[in-house]
């Protein structure tokens, strides 16, 4: 398989506490009003620290 393509959008809402002791996915919420911004990202690279502090 060379690539995966999709024509739909996926919205994932995540949270993390201020002290970073808990976090996770938000599975349900509602809004009275919202502004949405989209970004077409052609390349993505994530570099994670190699030490134990991460």
PDB file of N, CA and C in Angstrom:
ATOM      1  N   UNK A   1       0.850  -1.172   0.000  1.00  0.00           N
ATOM      2  CA  UNK A   1       0.000   0.000   0.000  1.00  0.00           C
ATOM      3  C   UNK A   1       0.895   1.234   0.000  1.00  0.00           C
ATOM      4  N   UNK A   2       0.707   2.094  -0.954  1.00  0.00           N
ATOM      5  CA  UNK A   2       1.538   3.294  -1.057  1.00  0.00           C
ATOM      6  C   UNK A   2       0.987   4.462  -0.251  1.00  0.00           C
ATOM      7  N   UNK A   3      -0.317   4.632  -0.226  1.00  0.00           N
ATOM      8  CA  UNK A   3      -0.886   5.764   0.498  1.00  0.00           C
ATOM      9  C   UNK A   3      -2.319   5.456   0.896  1.00  0.00           C
ATOM     10  N   UNK A   4      -2.804   6.218   1.827  1.00  0.00           N
ATOM     11  CA  UNK A   4      -4.192   6.118   2.277  1.00  0.00           C
ATOM     12  C   UNK A   4      -4.837   7.456   1.975  1.00  0.00           C
ATOM     13  N   UNK A   5      -5.953   7.439   1.300  1.00  0.00           N
ATOM     14  CA  UNK A   5      -6.658   8.667   0.946  1.00  0.00           C
ATOM     15  C   UNK A   5      -8.069   8.611   1.506  1.00  0.00           C
ATOM     16  N   UNK A   6      -8.543   9.773   1.907  1.00  0.00           N
ATOM     17  CA  UNK A   6      -9.920   9.860   2.383  1.00  0.00           C
ATOM     18  C   UNK A   6     -10.502  11.186   1.932  1.00  0.00           C
ATOM     19  N   UNK A   7     -11.785  11.193   1.688  1.00  0.00           N
ATOM     20  CA  UNK A   7     -12.434  12.431   1.271  1.00  0.00           C
ATOM     21  C   UNK A   7     -13.212  13.074   2.416  1.00  0.00           C
ATOM     22  N   UNK A   8     -13.180  12.470   3.578  1.00  0.00           N
ATOM     23  CA  UNK A   8     -13.917  13.018   4.722  1.00  0.00           C
ATOM     24  C   UNK A   8     -12.963  13.697   5.702  1.00  0.00           C
ATOM     25  N   UNK A   9     -13.536  14.376   6.664  1.00  0.00           N
ATOM     26  CA  UNK A   9     -12.754  15.053   7.695  1.00  0.00           C
ATOM     27  C   UNK A   9     -12.978  14.364   9.023  1.00  0.00           C
ATOM     28  N   UNK A  10     -11.969  14.346   9.842  1.00  0.00           N
ATOM     29  CA  UNK A  10     -12.041  13.754  11.165  1.00  0.00           C
ATOM     30  C   UNK A  10     -11.737  14.842  12.182  1.00  0.00           C
ATOM     31  N   UNK A  11     -12.611  15.013  13.138  1.00  0.00           N
ATOM     32  CA  UNK A  11     -12.412  15.994  14.206  1.00  0.00           C
ATOM     33  C   UNK A  11     -12.181  15.233  15.495  1.00  0.00           C
ATOM     34  N   UNK A  12     -11.044  15.447  16.109  1.00  0.00           N
ATOM     35  CA  UNK A  12     -10.713  14.800  17.373  1.00  0.00           C
ATOM     36  C   UNK A  12     -10.484  15.890  18.404  1.00  0.00           C
ATOM     37  N   UNK A  13     -11.237  15.843  19.490  1.00  0.00           N
ATOM     38  CA  UNK A  13     -11.070  16.801  20.577  1.00  0.00           C
ATOM     39  C   UNK A  13     -10.336  16.104  21.722  1.00  0.00           C
ATOM     40  N   UNK A  14      -9.253  16.712  22.158  1.00  0.00           N
ATOM     41  CA  UNK A  14      -8.438  16.159  23.239  1.00  0.00           C
ATOM     42  C   UNK A  14      -8.321  17.171  24.368  1.00  0.00           C
ATOM     43  N   UNK A  15      -8.029  16.684  25.550  1.00  0.00           N
ATOM     44  CA  UNK A  15      -7.771  17.585  26.670  1.00  0.00           C
ATOM     45  C   UNK A  15      -6.582  17.072  27.457  1.00  0.00           C
ATOM     46  N   UNK A  16      -5.933  17.993  28.172  1.00  0.00           N
ATOM     47  CA  UNK A  16      -4.882  17.648  29.126  1.00  0.00           C
ATOM     48  C   UNK A  16      -4.979  18.643  30.266  1.00  0.00           C
ATOM     49  N   UNK A  17      -4.814  18.157  31.482  1.00  0.00           N
ATOM     50  CA  UNK A  17      -4.922  19.036  32.647  1.00  0.00           C
ATOM     51  C   UNK A  17      -3.725  19.975  32.717  1.00  0.00           C
ATOM     52  N   UNK A  18      -3.879  21.066  33.443  1.00  0.00           N
ATOM     53  CA  UNK A  18      -2.797  22.044  33.577  1.00  0.00           C
ATOM     54  C   UNK A  18      -1.519  21.424  34.144  1.00  0.00           C
ATOM     55  N   UNK A  19      -1.673  20.473  35.069  1.00  0.00           N
ATOM     56  CA  UNK A  19      -0.484  19.841  35.656  1.00  0.00           C
ATOM     57  C   UNK A  19      -0.040  18.596  34.878  1.00  0.00           C
ATOM     58  N   UNK A  20      -0.708  18.330  33.749  1.00  0.00           N
ATOM     59  CA  UNK A  20      -0.384  17.211  32.855  1.00  0.00           C
ATOM     60  C   UNK A  20      -0.497  15.849  33.528  1.00  0.00           C
ATOM     61  N   UNK A  21      -1.322  15.747  34.544  1.00  0.00           N
ATOM     62  CA  UNK A  21      -1.470  14.468  35.234  1.00  0.00           C
ATOM     63  C   UNK A  21      -2.566  13.598  34.607  1.00  0.00           C
ATOM     64  N   UNK A  22      -3.503  14.201  33.882  1.00  0.00           N
ATOM     65  CA  UNK A  22      -4.554  13.440  33.205  1.00  0.00           C
ATOM     66  C   UNK A  22      -4.816  14.053  31.832  1.00  0.00           C
ATOM     67  N   UNK A  23      -5.370  13.270  30.948  1.00  0.00           N
ATOM     68  CA  UNK A  23      -5.728  13.736  29.618  1.00  0.00           C
ATOM     69  C   UNK A  23      -6.488  12.649  28.893  1.00  0.00           C
ATOM     70  N   UNK A  24      -7.045  12.990  27.745  1.00  0.00           N
ATOM     71  CA  UNK A  24      -7.764  11.979  26.981  1.00  0.00           C
ATOM     72  C   UNK A  24      -8.614  12.593  25.895  1.00  0.00           C
ATOM     73  N   UNK A  25      -9.510  11.775  25.354  1.00  0.00           N
ATOM     74  CA  UNK A  25     -10.416  12.191  24.286  1.00  0.00           C
ATOM     75  C   UNK A  25     -11.715  12.745  24.867  1.00  0.00           C
ATOM     76  N   UNK A  26     -12.237  13.781  24.257  1.00  0.00           N
ATOM     77  CA  UNK A  26     -13.562  14.288  24.585  1.00  0.00           C
ATOM     78  C   UNK A  26     -14.521  13.600  23.621  1.00  0.00           C
ATOM     79  N   UNK A  27     -15.464  12.824  24.161  1.00  0.00           N
ATOM     80  CA  UNK A  27     -16.322  12.017  23.287  1.00  0.00           C
ATOM     81  C   UNK A  27     -17.646  12.689  22.947  1.00  0.00           C
ATOM     82  N   UNK A  28     -18.033  13.734  23.678  1.00  0.00           N
ATOM     83  CA  UNK A  28     -19.297  14.402  23.385  1.00  0.00           C
ATOM     84  C   UNK A  28     -19.254  15.817  23.937  1.00  0.00           C
ATOM     85  N   UNK A  29     -19.748  16.773  23.158  1.00  0.00           N
ATOM     86  CA  UNK A  29     -19.866  18.145  23.622  1.00  0.00           C
ATOM     87  C   UNK A  29     -20.830  18.870  22.712  1.00  0.00           C
ATOM     88  N   UNK A  30     -21.299  20.023  23.162  1.00  0.00           N
ATOM     89  CA  UNK A  30     -22.177  20.853  22.331  1.00  0.00           C
ATOM     90  C   UNK A  30     -21.711  22.299  22.422  1.00  0.00           C
ATOM     91  N   UNK A  31     -22.025  23.077  21.391  1.00  0.00           N
ATOM     92  CA  UNK A  31     -21.621  24.471  21.307  1.00  0.00           C
ATOM     93  C   UNK A  31     -22.811  25.326  20.929  1.00  0.00           C
ATOM     94  N   UNK A  32     -22.867  26.527  21.454  1.00  0.00           N
ATOM     95  CA  UNK A  32     -23.858  27.499  21.015  1.00  0.00           C
ATOM     96  C   UNK A  32     -23.367  28.238  19.779  1.00  0.00           C
ATOM     97  N   UNK A  33     -22.041  28.419  19.691  1.00  0.00           N
ATOM     98  CA  UNK A  33     -21.445  29.139  18.573  1.00  0.00           C
ATOM     99  C   UNK A  33     -19.990  28.703  18.456  1.00  0.00           C
ATOM    100  N   UNK A  34     -19.461  28.710  17.245  1.00  0.00           N
ATOM    101  CA  UNK A  34     -18.065  28.312  17.050  1.00  0.00           C
ATOM    102  C   UNK A  34     -17.524  28.925  15.772  1.00  0.00           C
ATOM    103  N   UNK A  35     -16.210  29.098  15.739  1.00  0.00           N
ATOM    104  CA  UNK A  35     -15.492  29.489  14.542  1.00  0.00           C
ATOM    105  C   UNK A  35     -14.542  28.352  14.201  1.00  0.00           C
ATOM    106  N   UNK A  36     -14.561  27.906  12.962  1.00  0.00           N
ATOM    107  CA  UNK A  36     -13.732  26.776  12.544  1.00  0.00           C
ATOM    108  C   UNK A  36     -12.687  27.268  11.551  1.00  0.00           C
ATOM    109  N   UNK A  37     -11.451  26.844  11.761  1.00  0.00           N
ATOM    110  CA  UNK A  37     -10.368  27.129  10.830  1.00  0.00           C
ATOM    111  C   UNK A  37      -9.814  25.809  10.322  1.00  0.00           C
ATOM    112  N   UNK A  38      -9.494  25.743   9.050  1.00  0.00           N
ATOM    113  CA  UNK A  38      -8.943  24.533   8.457  1.00  0.00           C
ATOM    114  C   UNK A  38      -7.548  24.823   7.929  1.00  0.00           C
ATOM    115  N   UNK A  39      -6.699  23.818   7.990  1.00  0.00           N
ATOM    116  CA  UNK A  39      -5.340  23.930   7.487  1.00  0.00           C
ATOM    117  C   UNK A  39      -5.050  22.704   6.639  1.00  0.00           C
ATOM    118  N   UNK A  40      -4.640  22.902   5.410  1.00  0.00           N
ATOM    119  CA  UNK A  40      -4.242  21.798   4.555  1.00  0.00           C
ATOM    120  C   UNK A  40      -2.768  21.522   4.805  1.00  0.00           C
ATOM    121  N   UNK A  41      -2.483  20.467   5.530  1.00  0.00           N
ATOM    122  CA  UNK A  41      -1.119  20.106   5.873  1.00  0.00           C
ATOM    123  C   UNK A  41      -0.635  19.058   4.882  1.00  0.00           C
ATOM    124  N   UNK A  42       0.366  19.389   4.122  1.00  0.00           N
ATOM    125  CA  UNK A  42       0.874  18.471   3.114  1.00  0.00           C
ATOM    126  C   UNK A  42       1.942  17.534   3.664  1.00  0.00           C
ATOM    127  N   UNK A  43       2.668  17.976   4.684  1.00  0.00           N
ATOM    128  CA  UNK A  43       3.718  17.165   5.293  1.00  0.00           C
ATOM    129  C   UNK A  43       3.643  17.319   6.806  1.00  0.00           C
ATOM    130  N   UNK A  44       3.846  16.232   7.517  1.00  0.00           N
ATOM    131  CA  UNK A  44       3.823  16.266   8.979  1.00  0.00           C
ATOM    132  C   UNK A  44       4.977  15.429   9.497  1.00  0.00           C
ATOM    133  N   UNK A  45       5.781  16.002  10.391  1.00  0.00           N
ATOM    134  CA  UNK A  45       6.866  15.267  11.025  1.00  0.00           C
ATOM    135  C   UNK A  45       6.818  15.553  12.522  1.00  0.00           C
ATOM    136  N   UNK A  46       6.829  14.506  13.332  1.00  0.00           N
ATOM    137  CA  UNK A  46       6.816  14.669  14.779  1.00  0.00           C
ATOM    138  C   UNK A  46       8.110  14.092  15.342  1.00  0.00           C
ATOM    139  N   UNK A  47       8.805  14.916  16.086  1.00  0.00           N
ATOM    140  CA  UNK A  47      10.025  14.466  16.750  1.00  0.00           C
ATOM    141  C   UNK A  47       9.778  14.452  18.245  1.00  0.00           C
ATOM    142  N   UNK A  48       9.910  13.295  18.841  1.00  0.00           N
ATOM    143  CA  UNK A  48       9.700  13.141  20.270  1.00  0.00           C
ATOM    144  C   UNK A  48      11.055  13.038  20.970  1.00  0.00           C
ATOM    145  N   UNK A  49      11.142  13.571  22.202  1.00  0.00           N
ATOM    146  CA  UNK A  49      12.393  13.477  22.949  1.00  0.00           C
ATOM    147  C   UNK A  49      12.754  12.027  23.198  1.00  0.00           C
ATOM    148  N   UNK A  50      14.023  11.711  23.116  1.00  0.00           N
ATOM    149  CA  UNK A  50      14.495  10.345  23.341  1.00  0.00           C
ATOM    150  C   UNK A  50      14.752  10.056  24.818  1.00  0.00           C
ATOM    151  N   UNK A  51      14.809  11.098  25.650  1.00  0.00           N
ATOM    152  CA  UNK A  51      15.097  10.875  27.067  1.00  0.00           C
ATOM    153  C   UNK A  51      13.815  10.537  27.836  1.00  0.00           C
ATOM    154  N   UNK A  52      13.942  10.214  29.085  1.00  0.00           N
ATOM    155  CA  UNK A  52      12.807   9.804  29.907  1.00  0.00           C
ATOM    156  C   UNK A  52      11.911  10.939  30.340  1.00  0.00           C
ATOM    157  N   UNK A  53      12.260  12.183  30.030  1.00  0.00           N
ATOM    158  CA  UNK A  53      11.460  13.320  30.459  1.00  0.00           C
ATOM    159  C   UNK A  53      10.170  13.505  29.690  1.00  0.00           C
ATOM    160  N   UNK A  54       9.998  12.769  28.625  1.00  0.00           N
ATOM    161  CA  UNK A  54       8.820  12.944  27.801  1.00  0.00           C
ATOM    162  C   UNK A  54       7.637  12.216  28.385  1.00  0.00           C
TER     163      UNK A  54
END
